[in-house]
């Protein structure tokens, strides 16, 4: 999940929050590996970054850092809580 979002954020921030809402958020909700509050926080933050009035390269950097930080511990915490199978299933849920 982290890599899909980071790759998306390396190209453009346009539509990043929509991509998260349509593709990543449903997978996170379905697997219940994050709380609804955490999932919503990511959505709000991505939308704020997308709408900032700063140059695109700066927005790209902010978006990538935020994604890597917010989803960075996700894989390790999922592995600890539910095993490696959940990680591969979550990865399968997010369209590439």
PDB file of N, CA and C in Angstrom:
ATOM      1  N   UNK A   1       0.835  -1.186   0.000  1.00  0.00           N
ATOM      2  CA  UNK A   1       0.000   0.000   0.000  1.00  0.00           C
ATOM      3  C   UNK A   1       0.874   1.241   0.000  1.00  0.00           C
ATOM      4  N   UNK A   2       1.853   1.226   0.866  1.00  0.00           N
ATOM      5  CA  UNK A   2       2.762   2.370   0.971  1.00  0.00           C
ATOM      6  C   UNK A   2       3.447   2.647  -0.359  1.00  0.00           C
ATOM      7  N   UNK A   3       3.918   1.612  -1.023  1.00  0.00           N
ATOM      8  CA  UNK A   3       4.642   1.797  -2.275  1.00  0.00           C
ATOM      9  C   UNK A   3       3.715   2.276  -3.389  1.00  0.00           C
ATOM     10  N   UNK A   4       2.509   1.751  -3.450  1.00  0.00           N
ATOM     11  CA  UNK A   4       1.536   2.184  -4.470  1.00  0.00           C
ATOM     12  C   UNK A   4       1.244   3.667  -4.313  1.00  0.00           C
ATOM     13  N   UNK A   5       0.984   4.099  -3.082  1.00  0.00           N
ATOM     14  CA  UNK A   5       0.683   5.509  -2.841  1.00  0.00           C
ATOM     15  C   UNK A   5       1.908   6.393  -3.069  1.00  0.00           C
ATOM     16  N   UNK A   6       3.077   5.941  -2.631  1.00  0.00           N
ATOM     17  CA  UNK A   6       4.297   6.738  -2.822  1.00  0.00           C
ATOM     18  C   UNK A   6       4.618   6.877  -4.307  1.00  0.00           C
ATOM     19  N   UNK A   7       4.441   5.809  -5.069  1.00  0.00           N
ATOM     20  CA  UNK A   7       4.667   5.883  -6.520  1.00  0.00           C
ATOM     21  C   UNK A   7       3.704   6.865  -7.160  1.00  0.00           C
ATOM     22  N   UNK A   8       2.465   6.819  -6.737  1.00  0.00           N
ATOM     23  CA  UNK A   8       1.445   7.730  -7.271  1.00  0.00           C
ATOM     24  C   UNK A   8       1.799   9.173  -6.929  1.00  0.00           C
ATOM     25  N   UNK A   9       2.302   9.397  -5.717  1.00  0.00           N
ATOM     26  CA  UNK A   9       2.647  10.743  -5.269  1.00  0.00           C
ATOM     27  C   UNK A   9       3.926  11.254  -5.907  1.00  0.00           C
ATOM     28  N   UNK A  10       4.713  10.388  -6.511  1.00  0.00           N
ATOM     29  CA  UNK A  10       5.952  10.842  -7.146  1.00  0.00           C
ATOM     30  C   UNK A  10       5.689  11.441  -8.526  1.00  0.00           C
ATOM     31  N   UNK A  11       4.498  11.206  -9.078  1.00  0.00           N
ATOM     32  CA  UNK A  11       4.157  11.700 -10.411  1.00  0.00           C
ATOM     33  C   UNK A  11       3.412  13.025 -10.369  1.00  0.00           C
ATOM     34  N   UNK A  12       2.390  13.091  -9.535  1.00  0.00           N
ATOM     35  CA  UNK A  12       1.568  14.294  -9.439  1.00  0.00           C
ATOM     36  C   UNK A  12       0.676  14.191  -8.215  1.00  0.00           C
ATOM     37  N   UNK A  13       0.360  15.338  -7.631  1.00  0.00           N
ATOM     38  CA  UNK A  13      -0.580  15.330  -6.515  1.00  0.00           C
ATOM     39  C   UNK A  13      -2.019  15.477  -6.997  1.00  0.00           C
ATOM     40  N   UNK A  14      -2.199  15.793  -8.268  1.00  0.00           N
ATOM     41  CA  UNK A  14      -3.539  15.948  -8.821  1.00  0.00           C
ATOM     42  C   UNK A  14      -4.254  14.592  -8.770  1.00  0.00           C
ATOM     43  N   UNK A  15      -5.373  14.553  -8.091  1.00  0.00           N
ATOM     44  CA  UNK A  15      -6.158  13.331  -7.991  1.00  0.00           C
ATOM     45  C   UNK A  15      -5.652  12.338  -6.962  1.00  0.00           C
ATOM     46  N   UNK A  16      -4.650  12.716  -6.179  1.00  0.00           N
ATOM     47  CA  UNK A  16      -4.079  11.788  -5.201  1.00  0.00           C
ATOM     48  C   UNK A  16      -5.102  11.417  -4.125  1.00  0.00           C
ATOM     49  N   UNK A  17      -5.823  12.407  -3.609  1.00  0.00           N
ATOM     50  CA  UNK A  17      -6.816  12.110  -2.573  1.00  0.00           C
ATOM     51  C   UNK A  17      -7.960  11.263  -3.131  1.00  0.00           C
ATOM     52  N   UNK A  18      -8.331  11.509  -4.383  1.00  0.00           N
ATOM     53  CA  UNK A  18      -9.367  10.701  -5.027  1.00  0.00           C
ATOM     54  C   UNK A  18      -8.885   9.268  -5.222  1.00  0.00           C
ATOM     55  N   UNK A  19      -7.638   9.094  -5.657  1.00  0.00           N
ATOM     56  CA  UNK A  19      -7.059   7.759  -5.827  1.00  0.00           C
ATOM     57  C   UNK A  19      -7.081   7.005  -4.497  1.00  0.00           C
ATOM     58  N   UNK A  20      -6.686   7.685  -3.434  1.00  0.00           N
ATOM     59  CA  UNK A  20      -6.703   7.072  -2.100  1.00  0.00           C
ATOM     60  C   UNK A  20      -8.129   6.654  -1.728  1.00  0.00           C
ATOM     61  N   UNK A  21      -9.086   7.560  -1.933  1.00  0.00           N
ATOM     62  CA  UNK A  21     -10.473   7.275  -1.552  1.00  0.00           C
ATOM     63  C   UNK A  21     -11.090   6.135  -2.357  1.00  0.00           C
ATOM     64  N   UNK A  22     -10.765   6.069  -3.637  1.00  0.00           N
ATOM     65  CA  UNK A  22     -11.357   5.037  -4.499  1.00  0.00           C
ATOM     66  C   UNK A  22     -10.653   3.689  -4.412  1.00  0.00           C
ATOM     67  N   UNK A  23      -9.336   3.690  -4.205  1.00  0.00           N
ATOM     68  CA  UNK A  23      -8.584   2.440  -4.301  1.00  0.00           C
ATOM     69  C   UNK A  23      -7.983   1.941  -2.995  1.00  0.00           C
ATOM     70  N   UNK A  24      -7.380   2.819  -2.231  1.00  0.00           N
ATOM     71  CA  UNK A  24      -6.664   2.391  -1.032  1.00  0.00           C
ATOM     72  C   UNK A  24      -7.581   2.330   0.182  1.00  0.00           C
ATOM     73  N   UNK A  25      -8.385   3.358   0.363  1.00  0.00           N
ATOM     74  CA  UNK A  25      -9.258   3.420   1.547  1.00  0.00           C
ATOM     75  C   UNK A  25     -10.160   2.189   1.679  1.00  0.00           C
ATOM     76  N   UNK A  26     -10.833   1.738   0.614  1.00  0.00           N
ATOM     77  CA  UNK A  26     -11.677   0.542   0.767  1.00  0.00           C
ATOM     78  C   UNK A  26     -10.891  -0.690   1.233  1.00  0.00           C
ATOM     79  N   UNK A  27      -9.653  -0.824   0.761  1.00  0.00           N
ATOM     80  CA  UNK A  27      -8.831  -1.958   1.189  1.00  0.00           C
ATOM     81  C   UNK A  27      -8.479  -1.846   2.665  1.00  0.00           C
ATOM     82  N   UNK A  28      -8.155  -0.638   3.115  1.00  0.00           N
ATOM     83  CA  UNK A  28      -7.841  -0.435   4.528  1.00  0.00           C
ATOM     84  C   UNK A  28      -9.071  -0.695   5.399  1.00  0.00           C
ATOM     85  N   UNK A  29     -10.222  -0.252   4.937  1.00  0.00           N
ATOM     86  CA  UNK A  29     -11.459  -0.465   5.703  1.00  0.00           C
ATOM     87  C   UNK A  29     -11.836  -1.945   5.735  1.00  0.00           C
ATOM     88  N   UNK A  30     -11.667  -2.624   4.613  1.00  0.00           N
ATOM     89  CA  UNK A  30     -12.047  -4.030   4.531  1.00  0.00           C
ATOM     90  C   UNK A  30     -11.179  -4.905   5.433  1.00  0.00           C
ATOM     91  N   UNK A  31      -9.893  -4.616   5.497  1.00  0.00           N
ATOM     92  CA  UNK A  31      -8.992  -5.426   6.313  1.00  0.00           C
ATOM     93  C   UNK A  31      -8.971  -5.003   7.776  1.00  0.00           C
ATOM     94  N   UNK A  32      -9.483  -3.795   8.064  1.00  0.00           N
ATOM     95  CA  UNK A  32      -9.559  -3.276   9.440  1.00  0.00           C
ATOM     96  C   UNK A  32      -8.187  -3.201  10.120  1.00  0.00           C
ATOM     97  N   UNK A  33      -7.151  -2.899   9.338  1.00  0.00           N
ATOM     98  CA  UNK A  33      -5.821  -2.789   9.927  1.00  0.00           C
ATOM     99  C   UNK A  33      -5.528  -1.384  10.436  1.00  0.00           C
ATOM    100  N   UNK A  34      -6.433  -0.463  10.136  1.00  0.00           N
ATOM    101  CA  UNK A  34      -6.350   0.897  10.668  1.00  0.00           C
ATOM    102  C   UNK A  34      -7.733   1.253  11.192  1.00  0.00           C
ATOM    103  N   UNK A  35      -7.751   2.156  12.145  1.00  0.00           N
ATOM    104  CA  UNK A  35      -9.040   2.598  12.669  1.00  0.00           C
ATOM    105  C   UNK A  35      -9.680   3.560  11.657  1.00  0.00           C
ATOM    106  N   UNK A  36     -10.992   3.715  11.713  1.00  0.00           N
ATOM    107  CA  UNK A  36     -11.646   4.683  10.827  1.00  0.00           C
ATOM    108  C   UNK A  36     -11.109   6.099  10.994  1.00  0.00           C
ATOM    109  N   UNK A  37     -10.720   6.462  12.201  1.00  0.00           N
ATOM    110  CA  UNK A  37     -10.156   7.793  12.446  1.00  0.00           C
ATOM    111  C   UNK A  37      -8.827   7.948  11.716  1.00  0.00           C
ATOM    112  N   UNK A  38      -7.971   6.933  11.768  1.00  0.00           N
ATOM    113  CA  UNK A  38      -6.684   6.986  11.065  1.00  0.00           C
ATOM    114  C   UNK A  38      -6.880   7.064   9.554  1.00  0.00           C
ATOM    115  N   UNK A  39      -7.820   6.289   9.043  1.00  0.00           N
ATOM    116  CA  UNK A  39      -8.106   6.274   7.607  1.00  0.00           C
ATOM    117  C   UNK A  39      -8.602   7.645   7.160  1.00  0.00           C
ATOM    118  N   UNK A  40      -9.487   8.244   7.936  1.00  0.00           N
ATOM    119  CA  UNK A  40     -10.017   9.571   7.611  1.00  0.00           C
ATOM    120  C   UNK A  40      -8.939  10.640   7.703  1.00  0.00           C
ATOM    121  N   UNK A  41      -8.067  10.545   8.691  1.00  0.00           N
ATOM    122  CA  UNK A  41      -6.982  11.506   8.848  1.00  0.00           C
ATOM    123  C   UNK A  41      -6.109  11.532   7.594  1.00  0.00           C
ATOM    124  N   UNK A  42      -5.789  10.374   7.067  1.00  0.00           N
ATOM    125  CA  UNK A  42      -4.973  10.299   5.846  1.00  0.00           C
ATOM    126  C   UNK A  42      -5.699  10.965   4.693  1.00  0.00           C
ATOM    127  N   UNK A  43      -7.000  10.695   4.546  1.00  0.00           N
ATOM    128  CA  UNK A  43      -7.779  11.283   3.456  1.00  0.00           C
ATOM    129  C   UNK A  43      -7.790  12.810   3.545  1.00  0.00           C
ATOM    130  N   UNK A  44      -8.021  13.332   4.726  1.00  0.00           N
ATOM    131  CA  UNK A  44      -8.075  14.784   4.922  1.00  0.00           C
ATOM    132  C   UNK A  44      -6.714  15.409   4.642  1.00  0.00           C
ATOM    133  N   UNK A  45      -5.674  14.789   5.143  1.00  0.00           N
ATOM    134  CA  UNK A  45      -4.326  15.340   4.958  1.00  0.00           C
ATOM    135  C   UNK A  45      -3.919  15.335   3.477  1.00  0.00           C
ATOM    136  N   UNK A  46      -4.235  14.260   2.757  1.00  0.00           N
ATOM    137  CA  UNK A  46      -3.909  14.213   1.331  1.00  0.00           C
ATOM    138  C   UNK A  46      -4.654  15.299   0.559  1.00  0.00           C
ATOM    139  N   UNK A  47      -5.903  15.519   0.917  1.00  0.00           N
ATOM    140  CA  UNK A  47      -6.686  16.568   0.256  1.00  0.00           C
ATOM    141  C   UNK A  47      -6.097  17.949   0.541  1.00  0.00           C
ATOM    142  N   UNK A  48      -5.668  18.176   1.774  1.00  0.00           N
ATOM    143  CA  UNK A  48      -5.053  19.459   2.119  1.00  0.00           C
ATOM    144  C   UNK A  48      -3.768  19.679   1.328  1.00  0.00           C
ATOM    145  N   UNK A  49      -2.947  18.651   1.228  1.00  0.00           N
ATOM    146  CA  UNK A  49      -1.699  18.770   0.459  1.00  0.00           C
ATOM    147  C   UNK A  49      -2.008  19.051  -1.002  1.00  0.00           C
ATOM    148  N   UNK A  50      -2.981  18.344  -1.538  1.00  0.00           N
ATOM    149  CA  UNK A  50      -3.371  18.508  -2.942  1.00  0.00           C
ATOM    150  C   UNK A  50      -3.840  19.935  -3.241  1.00  0.00           C
ATOM    151  N   UNK A  51      -4.495  20.578  -2.276  1.00  0.00           N
ATOM    152  CA  UNK A  51      -5.057  21.910  -2.487  1.00  0.00           C
ATOM    153  C   UNK A  51      -4.156  23.054  -2.044  1.00  0.00           C
ATOM    154  N   UNK A  52      -2.958  22.741  -1.566  1.00  0.00           N
ATOM    155  CA  UNK A  52      -2.030  23.801  -1.145  1.00  0.00           C
ATOM    156  C   UNK A  52      -1.625  24.661  -2.340  1.00  0.00           C
ATOM    157  N   UNK A  53      -1.405  25.908  -2.080  1.00  0.00           N
ATOM    158  CA  UNK A  53      -0.990  26.841  -3.137  1.00  0.00           C
ATOM    159  C   UNK A  53       0.525  27.031  -3.069  1.00  0.00           C
ATOM    160  N   UNK A  54       1.217  25.941  -3.349  1.00  0.00           N
ATOM    161  CA  UNK A  54       2.678  25.959  -3.421  1.00  0.00           C
ATOM    162  C   UNK A  54       3.081  25.230  -4.701  1.00  0.00           C
ATOM    163  N   UNK A  55       4.308  25.386  -5.153  1.00  0.00           N
ATOM    164  CA  UNK A  55       4.727  24.709  -6.384  1.00  0.00           C
ATOM    165  C   UNK A  55       4.563  23.188  -6.288  1.00  0.00           C
ATOM    166  N   UNK A  56       4.241  22.582  -7.412  1.00  0.00           N
ATOM    167  CA  UNK A  56       4.001  21.137  -7.478  1.00  0.00           C
ATOM    168  C   UNK A  56       5.160  20.301  -6.920  1.00  0.00           C
ATOM    169  N   UNK A  57       6.417  20.637  -7.216  1.00  0.00           N
ATOM    170  CA  UNK A  57       7.502  19.821  -6.646  1.00  0.00           C
ATOM    171  C   UNK A  57       7.495  19.792  -5.116  1.00  0.00           C
ATOM    172  N   UNK A  58       7.130  20.910  -4.504  1.00  0.00           N
ATOM    173  CA  UNK A  58       7.043  20.942  -3.039  1.00  0.00           C
ATOM    174  C   UNK A  58       5.879  20.086  -2.537  1.00  0.00           C
ATOM    175  N   UNK A  59       4.748  20.146  -3.242  1.00  0.00           N
ATOM    176  CA  UNK A  59       3.597  19.318  -2.864  1.00  0.00           C
ATOM    177  C   UNK A  59       3.939  17.835  -2.998  1.00  0.00           C
ATOM    178  N   UNK A  60       4.678  17.490  -4.061  1.00  0.00           N
ATOM    179  CA  UNK A  60       5.077  16.093  -4.254  1.00  0.00           C
ATOM    180  C   UNK A  60       5.919  15.606  -3.085  1.00  0.00           C
ATOM    181  N   UNK A  61       6.865  16.439  -2.656  1.00  0.00           N
ATOM    182  CA  UNK A  61       7.700  16.066  -1.520  1.00  0.00           C
ATOM    183  C   UNK A  61       6.898  15.894  -0.246  1.00  0.00           C
ATOM    184  N   UNK A  62       5.986  16.822   0.012  1.00  0.00           N
ATOM    185  CA  UNK A  62       5.134  16.723   1.202  1.00  0.00           C
ATOM    186  C   UNK A  62       4.267  15.465   1.161  1.00  0.00           C
ATOM    187  N   UNK A  63       3.678  15.204   0.006  1.00  0.00           N
ATOM    188  CA  UNK A  63       2.799  14.039  -0.126  1.00  0.00           C
ATOM    189  C   UNK A  63       3.577  12.739   0.072  1.00  0.00           C
ATOM    190  N   UNK A  64       4.730  12.636  -0.573  1.00  0.00           N
ATOM    191  CA  UNK A  64       5.542  11.421  -0.427  1.00  0.00           C
ATOM    192  C   UNK A  64       5.962  11.205   1.023  1.00  0.00           C
ATOM    193  N   UNK A  65       6.445  12.254   1.673  1.00  0.00           N
ATOM    194  CA  UNK A  65       6.864  12.123   3.073  1.00  0.00           C
ATOM    195  C   UNK A  65       5.697  11.716   3.963  1.00  0.00           C
ATOM    196  N   UNK A  66       4.551  12.354   3.763  1.00  0.00           N
ATOM    197  CA  UNK A  66       3.386  12.028   4.578  1.00  0.00           C
ATOM    198  C   UNK A  66       2.971  10.570   4.378  1.00  0.00           C
ATOM    199  N   UNK A  67       2.930  10.128   3.144  1.00  0.00           N
ATOM    200  CA  UNK A  67       2.532   8.743   2.852  1.00  0.00           C
ATOM    201  C   UNK A  67       3.517   7.764   3.472  1.00  0.00           C
ATOM    202  N   UNK A  68       4.794   8.015   3.273  1.00  0.00           N
ATOM    203  CA  UNK A  68       5.797   7.100   3.814  1.00  0.00           C
ATOM    204  C   UNK A  68       5.755   7.061   5.338  1.00  0.00           C
ATOM    205  N   UNK A  69       5.512   8.202   5.967  1.00  0.00           N
ATOM    206  CA  UNK A  69       5.434   8.245   7.428  1.00  0.00           C
ATOM    207  C   UNK A  69       4.145   7.615   7.947  1.00  0.00           C
ATOM    208  N   UNK A  70       3.022   7.928   7.327  1.00  0.00           N
ATOM    209  CA  UNK A  70       1.744   7.457   7.862  1.00  0.00           C
ATOM    210  C   UNK A  70       1.507   5.974   7.586  1.00  0.00           C
ATOM    211  N   UNK A  71       1.997   5.488   6.461  1.00  0.00           N
ATOM    212  CA  UNK A  71       1.797   4.079   6.126  1.00  0.00           C
ATOM    213  C   UNK A  71       3.050   3.254   6.369  1.00  0.00           C
ATOM    214  N   UNK A  72       4.126   3.902   6.815  1.00  0.00           N
ATOM    215  CA  UNK A  72       5.393   3.213   7.015  1.00  0.00           C
ATOM    216  C   UNK A  72       5.344   2.103   8.038  1.00  0.00           C
ATOM    217  N   UNK A  73       4.723   2.338   9.154  1.00  0.00           N
ATOM    218  CA  UNK A  73       4.644   1.327  10.195  1.00  0.00           C
ATOM    219  C   UNK A  73       3.523   0.335   9.983  1.00  0.00           C
ATOM    220  N   UNK A  74       2.729   0.556   8.977  1.00  0.00           N
ATOM    221  CA  UNK A  74       1.566  -0.297   8.736  1.00  0.00           C
ATOM    222  C   UNK A  74       1.959  -1.738   8.477  1.00  0.00           C
ATOM    223  N   UNK A  75       2.922  -1.965   7.614  1.00  0.00           N
ATOM    224  CA  UNK A  75       3.312  -3.338   7.273  1.00  0.00           C
ATOM    225  C   UNK A  75       3.860  -4.070   8.492  1.00  0.00           C
ATOM    226  N   UNK A  76       4.671  -3.404   9.282  1.00  0.00           N
ATOM    227  CA  UNK A  76       5.236  -4.079  10.446  1.00  0.00           C
ATOM    228  C   UNK A  76       4.170  -4.346  11.499  1.00  0.00           C
ATOM    229  N   UNK A  77       3.242  -3.401  11.694  1.00  0.00           N
ATOM    230  CA  UNK A  77       2.209  -3.627  12.698  1.00  0.00           C
ATOM    231  C   UNK A  77       1.214  -4.684  12.240  1.00  0.00           C
ATOM    232  N   UNK A  78       0.937  -4.739  10.943  1.00  0.00           N
ATOM    233  CA  UNK A  78       0.036  -5.769  10.424  1.00  0.00           C
ATOM    234  C   UNK A  78       0.673  -7.132  10.589  1.00  0.00           C
ATOM    235  N   UNK A  79       1.950  -7.226  10.254  1.00  0.00           N
ATOM    236  CA  UNK A  79       2.645  -8.503  10.396  1.00  0.00           C
ATOM    237  C   UNK A  79       2.647  -8.980  11.828  1.00  0.00           C
ATOM    238  N   UNK A  80       2.830  -8.066  12.736  1.00  0.00           N
ATOM    239  CA  UNK A  80       2.854  -8.438  14.146  1.00  0.00           C
ATOM    240  C   UNK A  80       1.478  -8.859  14.639  1.00  0.00           C
ATOM    241  N   UNK A  81       0.434  -8.226  14.120  1.00  0.00           N
ATOM    242  CA  UNK A  81      -0.917  -8.507  14.620  1.00  0.00           C
ATOM    243  C   UNK A  81      -1.587  -9.680  13.924  1.00  0.00           C
ATOM    244  N   UNK A  82      -1.389  -9.790  12.595  1.00  0.00           N
ATOM    245  CA  UNK A  82      -2.191 -10.770  11.864  1.00  0.00           C
ATOM    246  C   UNK A  82      -1.390 -11.723  11.005  1.00  0.00           C
ATOM    247  N   UNK A  83      -0.109 -11.550  10.903  1.00  0.00           N
ATOM    248  CA  UNK A  83       0.705 -12.435  10.079  1.00  0.00           C
ATOM    249  C   UNK A  83       0.885 -11.885   8.685  1.00  0.00           C
ATOM    250  N   UNK A  84       1.827 -12.463   7.975  1.00  0.00           N
ATOM    251  CA  UNK A  84       2.194 -11.979   6.637  1.00  0.00           C
ATOM    252  C   UNK A  84       1.084 -12.155   5.616  1.00  0.00           C
ATOM    253  N   UNK A  85       0.160 -13.053   5.849  1.00  0.00           N
ATOM    254  CA  UNK A  85      -0.923 -13.288   4.896  1.00  0.00           C
ATOM    255  C   UNK A  85      -1.766 -12.035   4.709  1.00  0.00           C
ATOM    256  N   UNK A  86      -2.032 -11.304   5.780  1.00  0.00           N
ATOM    257  CA  UNK A  86      -2.844 -10.084   5.690  1.00  0.00           C
ATOM    258  C   UNK A  86      -2.172  -9.046   4.810  1.00  0.00           C
ATOM    259  N   UNK A  87      -0.861  -8.955   4.866  1.00  0.00           N
ATOM    260  CA  UNK A  87      -0.147  -7.969   4.060  1.00  0.00           C
ATOM    261  C   UNK A  87      -0.303  -8.277   2.587  1.00  0.00           C
ATOM    262  N   UNK A  88      -0.142  -9.536   2.204  1.00  0.00           N
ATOM    263  CA  UNK A  88      -0.281  -9.866   0.793  1.00  0.00           C
ATOM    264  C   UNK A  88      -1.732  -9.711   0.347  1.00  0.00           C
ATOM    265  N   UNK A  89      -2.700 -10.011   1.201  1.00  0.00           N
ATOM    266  CA  UNK A  89      -4.098  -9.826   0.835  1.00  0.00           C
ATOM    267  C   UNK A  89      -4.422  -8.351   0.654  1.00  0.00           C
ATOM    268  N   UNK A  90      -3.907  -7.498   1.512  1.00  0.00           N
ATOM    269  CA  UNK A  90      -4.130  -6.059   1.384  1.00  0.00           C
ATOM    270  C   UNK A  90      -3.511  -5.551   0.097  1.00  0.00           C
ATOM    271  N   UNK A  91      -2.320  -5.998  -0.208  1.00  0.00           N
ATOM    272  CA  UNK A  91      -1.654  -5.591  -1.442  1.00  0.00           C
ATOM    273  C   UNK A  91      -2.468  -6.015  -2.660  1.00  0.00           C
ATOM    274  N   UNK A  92      -3.103  -7.168  -2.580  1.00  0.00           N
ATOM    275  CA  UNK A  92      -3.930  -7.642  -3.693  1.00  0.00           C
ATOM    276  C   UNK A  92      -5.182  -6.801  -3.871  1.00  0.00           C
ATOM    277  N   UNK A  93      -5.660  -6.168  -2.797  1.00  0.00           N
ATOM    278  CA  UNK A  93      -6.876  -5.363  -2.863  1.00  0.00           C
ATOM    279  C   UNK A  93      -6.668  -4.002  -3.517  1.00  0.00           C
ATOM    280  N   UNK A  94      -5.443  -3.495  -3.516  1.00  0.00           N
ATOM    281  CA  UNK A  94      -5.163  -2.175  -4.060  1.00  0.00           C
ATOM    282  C   UNK A  94      -4.776  -2.311  -5.523  1.00  0.00           C
ATOM    283  N   UNK A  95      -5.572  -1.733  -6.438  1.00  0.00           N
ATOM    284  CA  UNK A  95      -5.234  -1.809  -7.858  1.00  0.00           C
ATOM    285  C   UNK A  95      -3.907  -1.136  -8.147  1.00  0.00           C
ATOM    286  N   UNK A  96      -3.114  -1.728  -8.983  1.00  0.00           N
ATOM    287  CA  UNK A  96      -1.800  -1.174  -9.341  1.00  0.00           C
ATOM    288  C   UNK A  96      -1.926  -0.203 -10.489  1.00  0.00           C
TER     289      UNK A  96
END
